[in-house]
Protein backbone atom coordinates (compact mmCIF):
# COMPACT_ATOMS: atom_id res chain seq x y z
CA MET A 1 148.02 115.13 76.05
CA SER A 2 147.79 111.35 75.90
CA ALA A 3 147.21 109.19 78.96
CA GLU A 4 150.72 107.70 78.60
CA GLU A 5 152.27 111.19 78.63
CA HIS A 6 150.26 112.01 81.80
CA TYR A 7 151.55 108.82 83.48
CA ARG A 8 155.20 109.60 82.61
CA LYS A 9 154.79 113.18 83.90
CA LEU A 10 153.42 111.82 87.18
CA GLU A 11 156.42 109.47 87.45
CA ARG A 12 158.83 112.37 86.89
CA MET A 13 156.94 114.50 89.44
CA TYR A 14 157.22 111.69 91.98
CA ALA A 15 160.94 111.22 91.33
CA SER A 16 161.58 114.97 91.75
CA ALA A 17 160.04 115.17 95.25
CA PRO A 18 162.76 116.04 97.81
CA VAL A 19 161.70 113.21 100.19
CA ASN A 20 162.49 110.68 97.50
CA ARG A 21 166.19 111.58 97.59
CA PHE A 22 166.25 109.61 100.84
CA TYR A 23 163.98 106.69 99.92
CA ALA A 24 165.27 106.30 96.32
CA PRO A 25 162.06 104.65 95.04
CA THR A 26 161.06 103.80 91.50
CA MET A 27 157.49 104.21 90.27
CA ARG A 28 155.42 103.03 87.36
CA VAL A 29 151.95 104.52 86.69
CA SER A 30 149.16 103.16 84.49
CA GLU A 31 145.41 103.73 84.33
CA GLY A 32 144.04 103.50 87.87
CA CYS A 33 147.21 101.76 89.10
CA ALA A 34 150.68 102.60 90.39
CA GLU A 35 153.63 100.52 91.56
CA VAL A 36 156.41 101.71 93.89
CA THR A 37 159.61 99.76 94.61
CA ILE A 38 162.23 100.48 97.30
CA ALA A 39 165.31 98.44 98.17
CA VAL A 40 165.57 97.47 101.85
CA ARG A 41 168.46 99.32 103.49
CA LEU A 42 169.78 99.51 107.07
CA ASP A 43 168.95 103.24 107.30
CA LEU A 44 165.25 102.32 106.99
CA PHE A 45 165.37 100.05 110.10
CA HIS A 46 163.97 100.62 113.55
CA ALA A 47 165.91 99.46 116.64
CA ALA A 48 164.71 95.87 116.36
CA GLY A 49 166.35 95.32 112.96
CA ALA A 50 163.50 95.58 110.44
CA VAL A 51 162.07 98.30 108.21
CA HIS A 52 160.26 101.02 110.17
CA GLY A 53 156.52 101.45 109.63
CA VAL A 54 157.06 104.91 108.18
CA ALA A 55 158.40 103.24 105.02
CA TYR A 56 155.36 100.95 104.89
CA PHE A 57 153.03 103.97 105.13
CA LYS A 58 154.96 105.92 102.49
CA MET A 59 154.96 103.11 99.97
CA LEU A 60 151.30 102.18 100.49
CA ASP A 61 150.09 105.78 100.37
CA ASP A 62 152.27 106.66 97.38
CA ALA A 63 151.00 103.72 95.30
CA ALA A 64 147.34 104.45 96.15
CA PHE A 65 147.78 108.22 95.67
CA PHE A 66 149.35 107.94 92.23
CA ALA A 67 146.81 105.31 91.16
CA VAL A 68 144.20 107.99 91.87
CA ASN A 69 146.18 110.83 90.25
CA SER A 70 146.49 108.69 87.11
CA LEU A 71 142.76 109.35 86.66
CA VAL A 72 143.04 113.10 87.34
CA ASP A 73 145.06 115.02 84.79
CA ASP A 74 144.62 118.64 85.84
CA VAL A 75 145.25 118.89 89.62
CA PHE A 76 147.29 117.26 92.38
CA VAL A 77 145.04 114.98 94.43
CA LEU A 78 145.01 114.95 98.23
CA THR A 79 145.04 112.08 100.69
CA VAL A 80 142.06 112.59 103.01
CA SER A 81 142.56 109.51 105.18
CA PHE A 82 144.71 106.38 105.01
CA ASN A 83 144.69 103.14 107.00
CA VAL A 84 147.78 100.95 107.19
CA TYR A 85 148.12 97.30 108.23
CA MET A 86 151.67 96.05 108.81
CA THR A 87 151.36 92.28 108.55
CA ARG A 88 154.97 91.06 108.44
CA PRO A 89 158.42 92.53 109.12
CA ILE A 90 161.05 92.82 106.40
CA SER A 91 164.82 93.15 106.81
CA GLU A 92 166.27 92.31 103.38
CA GLY A 93 165.52 92.36 99.68
CA GLU A 94 163.05 94.71 98.09
CA MET A 95 159.59 96.07 98.92
CA LYS A 96 156.99 96.61 96.20
CA SER A 97 153.69 98.37 96.70
CA THR A 98 150.89 98.18 94.14
CA GLY A 99 147.96 100.58 94.35
CA ARG A 100 144.66 100.52 92.49
CA VAL A 101 141.55 102.64 92.48
CA VAL A 102 138.53 100.68 93.68
CA HIS A 103 135.90 103.45 93.68
CA ARG A 104 135.49 106.88 92.18
CA SER A 105 132.74 109.45 92.27
CA ARG A 106 132.64 113.06 91.26
CA ARG A 107 134.35 114.21 94.48
CA LEU A 108 135.86 111.16 96.17
CA PHE A 109 138.20 108.32 95.25
CA ILE A 110 138.96 105.16 97.25
CA ALA A 111 142.17 103.25 96.54
CA GLU A 112 143.79 100.16 98.03
CA SER A 113 147.40 99.10 98.02
CA GLN A 114 149.35 95.98 98.88
CA LEU A 115 153.00 95.78 99.94
CA VAL A 116 155.00 92.62 99.24
CA ASP A 117 158.55 91.41 99.81
CA SER A 118 160.92 90.00 97.14
CA GLY A 119 159.23 86.61 97.44
CA GLY A 120 155.79 88.04 96.81
CA ARG A 121 154.62 87.61 100.43
CA GLU A 122 152.37 90.35 101.73
CA ILE A 123 154.03 92.49 104.38
CA GLY A 124 151.43 95.24 104.52
CA ARG A 125 148.26 96.65 103.05
CA GLY A 126 146.43 99.93 103.10
CA SER A 127 143.39 101.79 101.91
CA GLY A 128 142.61 105.45 101.66
CA THR A 129 140.29 108.16 100.51
CA PHE A 130 141.42 110.88 98.18
CA MET A 131 139.99 114.01 96.62
CA ARG A 132 140.88 116.54 93.95
CA GLY A 133 143.07 119.35 95.27
CA ALA A 134 143.50 122.96 94.18
CA ILE A 135 147.15 122.79 93.04
CA PRO A 136 147.39 122.51 89.23
CA LEU A 137 149.62 119.81 87.75
CA SER A 138 152.39 122.01 86.34
CA PRO A 139 156.16 122.16 85.85
CA GLU A 140 156.38 124.18 89.12
CA ILE A 141 155.66 120.98 91.06
CA GLY A 142 157.72 118.71 88.80
CA TYR A 143 154.92 117.66 86.47
CA GLU A 144 156.81 117.91 83.18
């Protein structure tokens, strides 16, 4: 299987996850990188009228996670830990998270991600550690 085929299978797996029926994200995967985009909607808001931090975490973790899984073509990776910094609120437009792998060893990966608004201003950032899991990438989990 080519790297491009692996990336497209990861994108289809991501799109098929039940949680993404609610968030309606789009994703693009390349070598060591992933980009997630979500439109800002009222049903993502907290009581003070801006997007809730749960959406920040999801987008930052998803981008970093799939950046790592782009380098692993046999198993689903696992998020071991993830730190999130919410630097600016957002209440309109679109959010885009870009993740990239910054370190890899035999057992551990470190990835960082940045979240920006439609104007390219940073609204959040995150970093996490990831490791290979035991679940094979297969059609049973949407990897097809």
